[in-house]
Amino acid sequence: MADNIIQINSISKLHEIYDCGKPQHPLISIIDLSAINHRLFHEDTAFRMSFYTISCKQFKGWFNYGRQTYDFSEGSLMFTSPDQVLRSGPDVPIEEGWALFFHPDLIHGTELGRTIQQYTFFLYDLNEALHISDEEKNILQDCIGKIKREYGQHIDKHTEGLIIKNIELLLSYCERFYDRQFYTRRKANNDIVQRFERLLRDYFSQDDLAERGLPDVKYLAGQLNISASYLSDLLNKYTGKTTQEHIHLQLVDKAKSLLLGTEKQVSEIAYELGFLYPSHFTKLFKTSTGLSPREYRTGN
């Protein structure tokens, strides 16, 4: 990892770093990635940008990044949210590509500003990029062209609204294409779901839950080498349940076994399951089963 992180807070600073002239709008820009001088960046260059970014890149074949090898020959979309630390990619020629950068201030107070958190792919890792077909690429390119035309001409009272509507359209298409990718990679994703379920069962089969505490989404995703957001979306699409719901179901199953198979007090079971406060355990158990732990044990 680079020792120094370059902070980029404005679109004008972004254009200065990329050496691509004066920006046409203070809060949004689209940059042709195949036209910039990538020799300006070293592989260990790190950036922290105050923007949402969507980048579409098509490299010449495969490349290594970190400890893994990726195939971006079809063209891939990558998403980042503001203030994520990004590293400059490896020195592999980009055949074609663009990147959309927009500042949160652009959408502040708008419907998109209120709902952008629903687009969880902004928190995915590099290896969870969206791979797109030529047809999909053309659809997104059309959205990008409309956005660029809007901020590149004379700004009037309609400009901001039309830019935001086209960003929303772009994000809706990305959401659709990710749904397609989840479907077409069904076998690989089913394998992840099965590994997750085994991981969760193994975690709750240990005798040191009191010391370890309840597993969180970040820990479980890390064990599977995927991002927490990607794991949550994958589980929701394949099982209809969130990661947290899966954790709670496994915990309740373990609690049922302890309630019926031991003489331990409810408070002891709560501590054994990693709860700091027995009342929190009782509330979760009743929410899941409709009965308090004592009612479940006695059958009343």
C-alpha atoms as a PDB file:
ATOM      1  CA  MET A   1       0.000   0.000   0.000  1.00  0.00           C
ATOM      2  CA  ALA A   2       1.242   3.489  -0.767  1.00  0.00           C
ATOM      3  CA  ASP A   3       2.588   5.523   2.139  1.00  0.00           C
ATOM      4  CA  ASN A   4       0.897   8.693   0.883  1.00  0.00           C
ATOM      5  CA  ILE A   5      -2.719   8.989  -0.162  1.00  0.00           C
ATOM      6  CA  ILE A   6      -3.621  11.707  -2.653  1.00  0.00           C
ATOM      7  CA  GLN A   7      -6.818  13.443  -1.517  1.00  0.00           C
ATOM      8  CA  ILE A   8      -9.061  14.683  -4.346  1.00  0.00           C
ATOM      9  CA  ASN A   9     -11.919  16.838  -3.079  1.00  0.00           C
ATOM     10  CA  SER A  10     -13.029  18.648  -6.224  1.00  0.00           C
ATOM     11  CA  ILE A  11     -13.670  17.976  -9.895  1.00  0.00           C
ATOM     12  CA  SER A  12     -11.115  20.635 -10.804  1.00  0.00           C
ATOM     13  CA  LYS A  13      -8.463  18.853  -8.713  1.00  0.00           C
ATOM     14  CA  LEU A  14      -9.440  15.587 -10.408  1.00  0.00           C
ATOM     15  CA  HIS A  15      -8.865  17.123 -13.845  1.00  0.00           C
ATOM     16  CA  GLU A  16      -5.538  18.510 -12.673  1.00  0.00           C
ATOM     17  CA  ILE A  17      -4.412  15.052 -11.484  1.00  0.00           C
ATOM     18  CA  TYR A  18      -5.556  13.383 -14.728  1.00  0.00           C
ATOM     19  CA  ASP A  19      -4.099  16.230 -16.815  1.00  0.00           C
ATOM     20  CA  CYS A  20      -7.252  16.502 -18.911  1.00  0.00           C
ATOM     21  CA  GLY A  21      -7.985  20.221 -19.067  1.00  0.00           C
ATOM     22  CA  LYS A  22     -10.493  22.459 -17.335  1.00  0.00           C
ATOM     23  CA  PRO A  23     -13.776  20.773 -16.227  1.00  0.00           C
ATOM     24  CA  GLN A  24     -17.054  21.877 -17.797  1.00  0.00           C
ATOM     25  CA  HIS A  25     -19.082  21.447 -14.602  1.00  0.00           C
ATOM     26  CA  PRO A  26     -17.969  21.868 -10.955  1.00  0.00           C
ATOM     27  CA  LEU A  27     -19.720  18.752  -9.608  1.00  0.00           C
ATOM     28  CA  ILE A  28     -19.624  16.143 -12.378  1.00  0.00           C
ATOM     29  CA  SER A  29     -17.256  14.935 -15.073  1.00  0.00           C
ATOM     30  CA  ILE A  30     -16.836  12.076 -17.535  1.00  0.00           C
ATOM     31  CA  ILE A  31     -13.257  11.244 -18.473  1.00  0.00           C
ATOM     32  CA  ASP A  32     -12.086   9.148 -21.418  1.00  0.00           C
ATOM     33  CA  LEU A  33      -9.747   6.693 -19.692  1.00  0.00           C
ATOM     34  CA  SER A  34      -8.125   5.535 -22.932  1.00  0.00           C
ATOM     35  CA  ALA A  35      -6.955   9.091 -23.639  1.00  0.00           C
ATOM     36  CA  ILE A  36      -5.202   9.903 -20.356  1.00  0.00           C
ATOM     37  CA  ASN A  37      -1.515   9.318 -19.756  1.00  0.00           C
ATOM     38  CA  HIS A  38      -1.402   6.316 -17.413  1.00  0.00           C
ATOM     39  CA  ARG A  39       2.335   6.739 -17.030  1.00  0.00           C
ATOM     40  CA  LEU A  40       1.450   9.560 -14.634  1.00  0.00           C
ATOM     41  CA  PHE A  41       0.440   6.890 -12.104  1.00  0.00           C
ATOM     42  CA  HIS A  42       2.497   4.260 -10.371  1.00  0.00           C
ATOM     43  CA  GLU A  43       0.954   0.941  -9.420  1.00  0.00           C
ATOM     44  CA  ASP A  44       1.211   1.841  -5.731  1.00  0.00           C
ATOM     45  CA  THR A  45      -0.428   5.259  -6.176  1.00  0.00           C
ATOM     46  CA  ALA A  46      -3.396   5.612  -3.819  1.00  0.00           C
ATOM     47  CA  PHE A  47      -6.265   8.099  -4.010  1.00  0.00           C
ATOM     48  CA  ARG A  48      -9.134   9.118  -1.800  1.00  0.00           C
ATOM     49  CA  MET A  49     -11.849  10.829  -3.841  1.00  0.00           C
ATOM     50  CA  SER A  50     -14.852  12.733  -2.522  1.00  0.00           C
ATOM     51  CA  PHE A  51     -17.042  11.405  -5.341  1.00  0.00           C
ATOM     52  CA  TYR A  52     -19.183   8.556  -6.478  1.00  0.00           C
ATOM     53  CA  THR A  53     -17.403   6.918  -9.378  1.00  0.00           C
ATOM     54  CA  ILE A  54     -18.525   4.537 -12.099  1.00  0.00           C
ATOM     55  CA  SER A  55     -15.788   3.363 -14.437  1.00  0.00           C
ATOM     56  CA  CYS A  56     -16.089   1.162 -17.507  1.00  0.00           C
ATOM     57  CA  LYS A  57     -12.793  -0.359 -18.599  1.00  0.00           C
ATOM     58  CA  GLN A  58     -11.765  -2.864 -21.214  1.00  0.00           C
ATOM     59  CA  PHE A  59      -8.180  -4.061 -20.947  1.00  0.00           C
ATOM     60  CA  LYS A  60      -6.175  -6.164 -23.350  1.00  0.00           C
ATOM     61  CA  GLY A  61      -6.703  -9.542 -21.717  1.00  0.00           C
ATOM     62  CA  TRP A  62      -5.817 -10.609 -18.195  1.00  0.00           C
ATOM     63  CA  PHE A  63      -3.937  -8.853 -15.442  1.00  0.00           C
ATOM     64  CA  ASN A  64      -2.856  -9.495 -11.875  1.00  0.00           C
ATOM     65  CA  TYR A  65      -4.113  -7.204  -9.131  1.00  0.00           C
ATOM     66  CA  GLY A  66      -3.094  -7.962  -5.586  1.00  0.00           C
ATOM     67  CA  ARG A  67      -3.013 -11.735  -5.259  1.00  0.00           C
ATOM     68  CA  GLN A  68      -5.618 -12.520  -7.887  1.00  0.00           C
ATOM     69  CA  THR A  69      -5.939 -12.558 -11.679  1.00  0.00           C
ATOM     70  CA  TYR A  70      -8.837 -10.834 -13.391  1.00  0.00           C
ATOM     71  CA  ASP A  71     -10.209 -10.994 -16.923  1.00  0.00           C
ATOM     72  CA  PHE A  72     -11.514  -7.614 -18.007  1.00  0.00           C
ATOM     73  CA  SER A  73     -11.382  -8.359 -21.722  1.00  0.00           C
ATOM     74  CA  GLU A  74     -15.178  -8.185 -22.069  1.00  0.00           C
ATOM     75  CA  GLY A  75     -15.426  -4.824 -20.385  1.00  0.00           C
ATOM     76  CA  SER A  76     -16.254  -4.304 -16.743  1.00  0.00           C
ATOM     77  CA  LEU A  77     -17.938  -1.725 -14.570  1.00  0.00           C
ATOM     78  CA  MET A  78     -16.480  -0.794 -11.200  1.00  0.00           C
ATOM     79  CA  PHE A  79     -18.175   1.394  -8.600  1.00  0.00           C
ATOM     80  CA  THR A  80     -16.826   3.315  -5.623  1.00  0.00           C
ATOM     81  CA  SER A  81     -18.454   5.555  -3.051  1.00  0.00           C
ATOM     82  CA  PRO A  82     -17.011   8.802  -1.651  1.00  0.00           C
ATOM     83  CA  ASP A  83     -13.864   8.598   0.488  1.00  0.00           C
ATOM     84  CA  GLN A  84     -12.928   5.037  -0.409  1.00  0.00           C
ATOM     85  CA  VAL A  85      -9.192   4.591  -0.830  1.00  0.00           C
ATOM     86  CA  LEU A  86      -8.377   3.487  -4.375  1.00  0.00           C
ATOM     87  CA  ARG A  87      -5.128   2.198  -5.795  1.00  0.00           C
ATOM     88  CA  SER A  88      -3.954   2.878  -9.289  1.00  0.00           C
ATOM     89  CA  GLY A  89      -4.314  -0.215 -11.451  1.00  0.00           C
ATOM     90  CA  PRO A  90      -1.468  -2.170 -13.043  1.00  0.00           C
ATOM     91  CA  ASP A  91       0.291  -0.974 -16.149  1.00  0.00           C
ATOM     92  CA  VAL A  92      -1.989  -2.731 -18.653  1.00  0.00           C
ATOM     93  CA  PRO A  93      -3.199  -0.827 -21.746  1.00  0.00           C
ATOM     94  CA  ILE A  94      -6.861   0.193 -21.715  1.00  0.00           C
ATOM     95  CA  GLU A  95      -8.446  -0.493 -25.091  1.00  0.00           C
ATOM     96  CA  GLU A  96     -11.400   1.710 -24.257  1.00  0.00           C
ATOM     97  CA  GLY A  97     -13.091   3.087 -21.213  1.00  0.00           C
ATOM     98  CA  TRP A  98     -14.738   5.972 -19.436  1.00  0.00           C
ATOM     99  CA  ALA A  99     -15.256   7.063 -15.859  1.00  0.00           C
ATOM    100  CA  LEU A 100     -18.129   9.091 -14.423  1.00  0.00           C
ATOM    101  CA  PHE A 101     -17.373  11.132 -11.303  1.00  0.00           C
ATOM    102  CA  PHE A 102     -20.077  13.019  -9.443  1.00  0.00           C
ATOM    103  CA  HIS A 103     -19.913  14.826  -6.120  1.00  0.00           C
ATOM    104  CA  PRO A 104     -22.541  14.094  -3.417  1.00  0.00           C
ATOM    105  CA  ASP A 105     -23.442  17.814  -3.499  1.00  0.00           C
ATOM    106  CA  LEU A 106     -24.868  17.279  -7.011  1.00  0.00           C
ATOM    107  CA  ILE A 107     -27.618  15.013  -5.664  1.00  0.00           C
ATOM    108  CA  HIS A 108     -28.016  16.556  -2.201  1.00  0.00           C
ATOM    109  CA  GLY A 109     -31.697  17.155  -1.419  1.00  0.00           C
ATOM    110  CA  THR A 110     -32.886  15.150  -4.443  1.00  0.00           C
ATOM    111  CA  GLU A 111     -34.670  11.805  -4.585  1.00  0.00           C
ATOM    112  CA  LEU A 112     -31.446  10.191  -5.809  1.00  0.00           C
ATOM    113  CA  GLY A 113     -29.612  11.685  -2.845  1.00  0.00           C
ATOM    114  CA  ARG A 114     -32.111  10.000  -0.530  1.00  0.00           C
ATOM    115  CA  THR A 115     -32.035   6.621  -2.264  1.00  0.00           C
ATOM    116  CA  ILE A 116     -28.473   6.201  -3.524  1.00  0.00           C
ATOM    117  CA  GLN A 117     -27.630   3.922  -0.588  1.00  0.00           C
ATOM    118  CA  GLN A 118     -29.861   1.265  -2.171  1.00  0.00           C
ATOM    119  CA  TYR A 119     -27.265   0.850  -4.923  1.00  0.00           C
ATOM    120  CA  THR A 120     -25.071  -1.375  -2.796  1.00  0.00           C
ATOM    121  CA  PHE A 121     -22.701  -2.168  -5.674  1.00  0.00           C
ATOM    122  CA  PHE A 122     -20.897   1.088  -4.802  1.00  0.00           C
ATOM    123  CA  LEU A 123     -19.460  -0.917  -1.881  1.00  0.00           C
ATOM    124  CA  TYR A 124     -18.434  -4.033  -3.830  1.00  0.00           C
ATOM    125  CA  ASP A 125     -14.806  -5.093  -4.202  1.00  0.00           C
ATOM    126  CA  LEU A 126     -12.826  -5.113  -7.452  1.00  0.00           C
ATOM    127  CA  ASN A 127     -13.321  -8.848  -7.986  1.00  0.00           C
ATOM    128  CA  GLU A 128     -17.107  -8.279  -7.829  1.00  0.00           C
ATOM    129  CA  ALA A 129     -17.114  -5.945 -10.825  1.00  0.00           C
ATOM    130  CA  LEU A 130     -20.007  -6.034 -13.283  1.00  0.00           C
ATOM    131  CA  HIS A 131     -19.001  -7.730 -16.541  1.00  0.00           C
ATOM    132  CA  ILE A 132     -21.069  -6.380 -19.414  1.00  0.00           C
ATOM    133  CA  SER A 133     -21.859  -7.475 -22.953  1.00  0.00           C
ATOM    134  CA  ASP A 134     -21.413  -5.240 -25.983  1.00  0.00           C
ATOM    135  CA  GLU A 135     -25.159  -4.587 -26.042  1.00  0.00           C
ATOM    136  CA  GLU A 136     -25.176  -3.579 -22.386  1.00  0.00           C
ATOM    137  CA  LYS A 137     -22.103  -1.431 -22.930  1.00  0.00           C
ATOM    138  CA  ASN A 138     -23.883   0.448 -25.722  1.00  0.00           C
ATOM    139  CA  ILE A 139     -26.912   1.090 -23.507  1.00  0.00           C
ATOM    140  CA  LEU A 140     -24.703   2.564 -20.767  1.00  0.00           C
ATOM    141  CA  GLN A 141     -22.701   4.542 -23.314  1.00  0.00           C
ATOM    142  CA  ASP A 142     -25.943   6.161 -24.474  1.00  0.00           C
ATOM    143  CA  CYS A 143     -26.676   7.286 -20.889  1.00  0.00           C
ATOM    144  CA  ILE A 144     -23.129   8.615 -20.527  1.00  0.00           C
ATOM    145  CA  GLY A 145     -23.447  10.527 -23.813  1.00  0.00           C
ATOM    146  CA  LYS A 146     -26.651  12.237 -22.625  1.00  0.00           C
ATOM    147  CA  ILE A 147     -25.092  13.212 -19.293  1.00  0.00           C
ATOM    148  CA  LYS A 148     -22.026  14.642 -21.014  1.00  0.00           C
ATOM    149  CA  ARG A 149     -24.121  16.613 -23.484  1.00  0.00           C
ATOM    150  CA  GLU A 150     -26.164  18.117 -20.652  1.00  0.00           C
ATOM    151  CA  TYR A 151     -23.265  19.412 -18.570  1.00  0.00           C
ATOM    152  CA  GLY A 152     -21.256  20.370 -21.674  1.00  0.00           C
ATOM    153  CA  GLN A 153     -23.769  22.860 -23.043  1.00  0.00           C
ATOM    154  CA  HIS A 154     -25.180  26.080 -21.633  1.00  0.00           C
ATOM    155  CA  ILE A 155     -26.430  25.419 -18.101  1.00  0.00           C
ATOM    156  CA  ASP A 156     -30.060  26.367 -17.481  1.00  0.00           C
ATOM    157  CA  LYS A 157     -32.757  25.519 -14.927  1.00  0.00           C
ATOM    158  CA  HIS A 158     -33.309  22.080 -16.500  1.00  0.00           C
ATOM    159  CA  THR A 159     -29.665  20.981 -16.613  1.00  0.00           C
ATOM    160  CA  GLU A 160     -29.266  19.599 -13.095  1.00  0.00           C
ATOM    161  CA  GLY A 161     -32.573  17.715 -13.169  1.00  0.00           C
ATOM    162  CA  LEU A 162     -31.810  16.100 -16.526  1.00  0.00           C
ATOM    163  CA  ILE A 163     -28.302  15.130 -15.443  1.00  0.00           C
ATOM    164  CA  ILE A 164     -29.655  13.471 -12.285  1.00  0.00           C
ATOM    165  CA  LYS A 165     -32.435  11.667 -14.187  1.00  0.00           C
ATOM    166  CA  ASN A 166     -29.864  10.223 -16.560  1.00  0.00           C
ATOM    167  CA  ILE A 167     -27.640   9.140 -13.651  1.00  0.00           C
ATOM    168  CA  GLU A 168     -30.695   7.417 -12.150  1.00  0.00           C
ATOM    169  CA  LEU A 169     -31.346   5.706 -15.490  1.00  0.00           C
ATOM    170  CA  LEU A 170     -27.706   4.604 -15.661  1.00  0.00           C
ATOM    171  CA  LEU A 171     -27.868   3.165 -12.130  1.00  0.00           C
ATOM    172  CA  SER A 172     -31.140   1.374 -12.881  1.00  0.00           C
ATOM    173  CA  TYR A 173     -29.536  -0.324 -15.875  1.00  0.00           C
ATOM    174  CA  CYS A 174     -26.530  -1.285 -13.730  1.00  0.00           C
ATOM    175  CA  GLU A 175     -28.891  -2.797 -11.176  1.00  0.00           C
ATOM    176  CA  ARG A 176     -30.613  -4.802 -13.920  1.00  0.00           C
ATOM    177  CA  PHE A 177     -27.298  -6.007 -15.352  1.00  0.00           C
ATOM    178  CA  TYR A 178     -26.067  -7.078 -11.897  1.00  0.00           C
ATOM    179  CA  ASP A 179     -29.279  -9.100 -11.462  1.00  0.00           C
ATOM    180  CA  ARG A 180     -28.464 -10.771 -14.774  1.00  0.00           C
ATOM    181  CA  GLN A 181     -24.933 -11.501 -13.590  1.00  0.00           C
ATOM    182  CA  PHE A 182     -26.183 -13.020 -10.338  1.00  0.00           C
ATOM    183  CA  TYR A 183     -28.406 -15.292 -12.426  1.00  0.00           C
ATOM    184  CA  THR A 184     -25.813 -16.311 -15.031  1.00  0.00           C
ATOM    185  CA  ARG A 185     -23.285 -17.105 -12.288  1.00  0.00           C
ATOM    186  CA  ARG A 186     -25.792 -19.211 -10.385  1.00  0.00           C
ATOM    187  CA  LYS A 187     -23.483 -22.189  -9.807  1.00  0.00           C
ATOM    188  CA  ALA A 188     -20.613 -20.092  -8.441  1.00  0.00           C
ATOM    189  CA  ASN A 189     -23.011 -18.098  -6.277  1.00  0.00           C
ATOM    190  CA  ASN A 190     -24.713 -21.240  -4.964  1.00  0.00           C
ATOM    191  CA  ASP A 191     -21.273 -22.465  -3.934  1.00  0.00           C
ATOM    192  CA  ILE A 192     -20.743 -19.247  -1.972  1.00  0.00           C
ATOM    193  CA  VAL A 193     -24.145 -19.629  -0.264  1.00  0.00           C
ATOM    194  CA  GLN A 194     -23.290 -23.211   0.758  1.00  0.00           C
ATOM    195  CA  ARG A 195     -19.867 -22.151   2.038  1.00  0.00           C
ATOM    196  CA  PHE A 196     -21.525 -19.354   4.006  1.00  0.00           C
ATOM    197  CA  GLU A 197     -24.009 -21.750   5.615  1.00  0.00           C
ATOM    198  CA  ARG A 198     -21.208 -24.148   6.572  1.00  0.00           C
ATOM    199  CA  LEU A 199     -19.152 -21.281   7.969  1.00  0.00           C
ATOM    200  CA  LEU A 200     -22.077 -20.116  10.082  1.00  0.00           C
ATOM    201  CA  ARG A 201     -22.836 -23.621  11.395  1.00  0.00           C
ATOM    202  CA  ASP A 202     -19.185 -24.163  12.268  1.00  0.00           C
ATOM    203  CA  TYR A 203     -19.030 -20.812  14.046  1.00  0.00           C
ATOM    204  CA  PHE A 204     -22.004 -21.605  16.273  1.00  0.00           C
ATOM    205  CA  SER A 205     -20.776 -25.136  16.964  1.00  0.00           C
ATOM    206  CA  GLN A 206     -17.763 -23.757  18.855  1.00  0.00           C
ATOM    207  CA  ASP A 207     -17.755 -23.560  22.650  1.00  0.00           C
ATOM    208  CA  ASP A 208     -16.166 -20.116  22.928  1.00  0.00           C
ATOM    209  CA  LEU A 209     -19.013 -17.892  21.708  1.00  0.00           C
ATOM    210  CA  ALA A 210     -18.958 -16.033  25.024  1.00  0.00           C
ATOM    211  CA  GLU A 211     -15.411 -14.893  24.269  1.00  0.00           C
ATOM    212  CA  ARG A 212     -15.773 -14.461  20.498  1.00  0.00           C
ATOM    213  CA  GLY A 213     -19.214 -12.846  20.494  1.00  0.00           C
ATOM    214  CA  LEU A 214     -21.711 -13.014  17.663  1.00  0.00           C
ATOM    215  CA  PRO A 215     -20.248 -12.982  14.135  1.00  0.00           C
ATOM    216  CA  ASP A 216     -20.850  -9.843  12.117  1.00  0.00           C
ATOM    217  CA  VAL A 217     -21.375  -9.512   8.386  1.00  0.00           C
ATOM    218  CA  LYS A 218     -17.901  -8.091   7.772  1.00  0.00           C
ATOM    219  CA  TYR A 219     -16.219 -11.047   9.504  1.00  0.00           C
ATOM    220  CA  LEU A 220     -18.246 -13.648   7.585  1.00  0.00           C
ATOM    221  CA  ALA A 221     -17.670 -11.904   4.249  1.00  0.00           C
ATOM    222  CA  GLY A 222     -13.950 -11.695   4.987  1.00  0.00           C
ATOM    223  CA  GLN A 223     -13.815 -15.455   5.585  1.00  0.00           C
ATOM    224  CA  LEU A 224     -15.355 -15.931   2.135  1.00  0.00           C
ATOM    225  CA  ASN A 225     -13.061 -13.334   0.481  1.00  0.00           C
ATOM    226  CA  ILE A 226     -15.948 -11.156  -0.694  1.00  0.00           C
ATOM    227  CA  SER A 227     -17.294  -7.775   0.381  1.00  0.00           C
ATOM    228  CA  ALA A 228     -20.008  -7.497   3.013  1.00  0.00           C
ATOM    229  CA  SER A 229     -22.338  -5.729   0.575  1.00  0.00           C
ATOM    230  CA  TYR A 230     -21.898  -8.389  -2.095  1.00  0.00           C
ATOM    231  CA  LEU A 231     -22.556 -11.173   0.430  1.00  0.00           C
ATOM    232  CA  SER A 232     -25.726  -9.449   1.658  1.00  0.00           C
ATOM    233  CA  ASP A 233     -27.040  -8.929  -1.878  1.00  0.00           C
ATOM    234  CA  LEU A 234     -26.169 -12.470  -2.942  1.00  0.00           C
ATOM    235  CA  LEU A 235     -27.923 -14.034   0.071  1.00  0.00           C
ATOM    236  CA  ASN A 236     -30.967 -11.841  -0.404  1.00  0.00           C
ATOM    237  CA  LYS A 237     -31.297 -12.834  -4.061  1.00  0.00           C
ATOM    238  CA  TYR A 238     -30.767 -16.571  -3.486  1.00  0.00           C
ATOM    239  CA  THR A 239     -32.443 -17.116  -0.102  1.00  0.00           C
ATOM    240  CA  GLY A 240     -34.708 -14.097   0.387  1.00  0.00           C
ATOM    241  CA  LYS A 241     -32.997 -13.382   3.719  1.00  0.00           C
ATOM    242  CA  THR A 242     -30.356 -10.887   4.794  1.00  0.00           C
ATOM    243  CA  THR A 243     -27.028 -11.916   6.279  1.00  0.00           C
ATOM    244  CA  GLN A 244     -28.231 -10.733   9.681  1.00  0.00           C
ATOM    245  CA  GLU A 245     -31.361 -12.868   9.400  1.00  0.00           C
ATOM    246  CA  HIS A 246     -29.228 -15.937   8.650  1.00  0.00           C
ATOM    247  CA  ILE A 247     -27.078 -15.207  11.708  1.00  0.00           C
ATOM    248  CA  HIS A 248     -30.156 -14.853  13.904  1.00  0.00           C
ATOM    249  CA  LEU A 249     -31.749 -18.070  12.588  1.00  0.00           C
ATOM    250  CA  GLN A 250     -28.591 -20.048  13.326  1.00  0.00           C
ATOM    251  CA  LEU A 251     -28.353 -18.450  16.753  1.00  0.00           C
ATOM    252  CA  VAL A 252     -31.977 -19.289  17.595  1.00  0.00           C
ATOM    253  CA  ASP A 253     -31.450 -22.911  16.513  1.00  0.00           C
ATOM    254  CA  LYS A 254     -28.460 -23.136  18.846  1.00  0.00           C
ATOM    255  CA  ALA A 255     -30.476 -21.506  21.630  1.00  0.00           C
ATOM    256  CA  LYS A 256     -33.318 -24.014  21.189  1.00  0.00           C
ATOM    257  CA  SER A 257     -30.885 -26.900  21.604  1.00  0.00           C
ATOM    258  CA  LEU A 258     -29.467 -25.379  24.794  1.00  0.00           C
ATOM    259  CA  LEU A 259     -32.911 -24.601  26.226  1.00  0.00           C
ATOM    260  CA  LEU A 260     -34.231 -28.124  25.696  1.00  0.00           C
ATOM    261  CA  GLY A 261     -31.009 -30.080  26.145  1.00  0.00           C
ATOM    262  CA  THR A 262     -29.517 -28.462  29.252  1.00  0.00           C
ATOM    263  CA  GLU A 263     -30.567 -27.193  32.675  1.00  0.00           C
ATOM    264  CA  LYS A 264     -28.743 -23.890  32.207  1.00  0.00           C
ATOM    265  CA  GLN A 265     -30.512 -20.682  33.148  1.00  0.00           C
ATOM    266  CA  VAL A 266     -31.634 -18.360  30.347  1.00  0.00           C
ATOM    267  CA  SER A 267     -29.039 -15.776  31.406  1.00  0.00           C
ATOM    268  CA  GLU A 268     -26.275 -18.413  31.218  1.00  0.00           C
ATOM    269  CA  ILE A 269     -27.375 -19.413  27.727  1.00  0.00           C
ATOM    270  CA  ALA A 270     -27.456 -15.773  26.656  1.00  0.00           C
ATOM    271  CA  TYR A 271     -23.860 -15.216  27.814  1.00  0.00           C
ATOM    272  CA  GLU A 272     -22.770 -18.511  26.252  1.00  0.00           C
ATOM    273  CA  LEU A 273     -24.205 -17.354  22.904  1.00  0.00           C
ATOM    274  CA  GLY A 274     -22.198 -14.155  23.016  1.00  0.00           C
ATOM    275  CA  PHE A 275     -24.799 -11.694  24.337  1.00  0.00           C
ATOM    276  CA  LEU A 276     -23.648  -9.068  26.787  1.00  0.00           C
ATOM    277  CA  TYR A 277     -27.198  -8.573  28.060  1.00  0.00           C
ATOM    278  CA  PRO A 278     -29.709 -11.432  28.521  1.00  0.00           C
ATOM    279  CA  SER A 279     -32.588  -9.066  27.726  1.00  0.00           C
ATOM    280  CA  HIS A 280     -31.220  -8.646  24.179  1.00  0.00           C
ATOM    281  CA  PHE A 281     -31.181 -12.411  23.738  1.00  0.00           C
ATOM    282  CA  THR A 282     -34.741 -12.742  25.071  1.00  0.00           C
ATOM    283  CA  LYS A 283     -36.003 -10.032  22.710  1.00  0.00           C
ATOM    284  CA  LEU A 284     -34.371 -11.612  19.649  1.00  0.00           C
ATOM    285  CA  PHE A 285     -35.593 -15.101  20.563  1.00  0.00           C
ATOM    286  CA  LYS A 286     -39.177 -13.935  21.059  1.00  0.00           C
ATOM    287  CA  THR A 287     -39.124 -11.946  17.821  1.00  0.00           C
ATOM    288  CA  SER A 288     -38.029 -15.071  15.950  1.00  0.00           C
ATOM    289  CA  THR A 289     -40.239 -17.697  17.645  1.00  0.00           C
ATOM    290  CA  GLY A 290     -43.128 -15.781  19.182  1.00  0.00           C
ATOM    291  CA  LEU A 291     -42.178 -17.226  22.580  1.00  0.00           C
ATOM    292  CA  SER A 292     -39.802 -16.119  25.305  1.00  0.00           C
ATOM    293  CA  PRO A 293     -36.949 -18.564  26.080  1.00  0.00           C
ATOM    294  CA  ARG A 294     -38.729 -19.674  29.275  1.00  0.00           C
ATOM    295  CA  GLU A 295     -42.036 -20.197  27.435  1.00  0.00           C
ATOM    296  CA  TYR A 296     -40.255 -22.242  24.778  1.00  0.00           C
ATOM    297  CA  ARG A 297     -38.543 -24.403  27.412  1.00  0.00           C
ATOM    298  CA  THR A 298     -41.720 -25.120  29.336  1.00  0.00           C
ATOM    299  CA  GLY A 299     -43.944 -25.445  26.287  1.00  0.00           C
ATOM    300  CA  ASN A 300     -46.334 -22.763  27.567  1.00  0.00           C
END
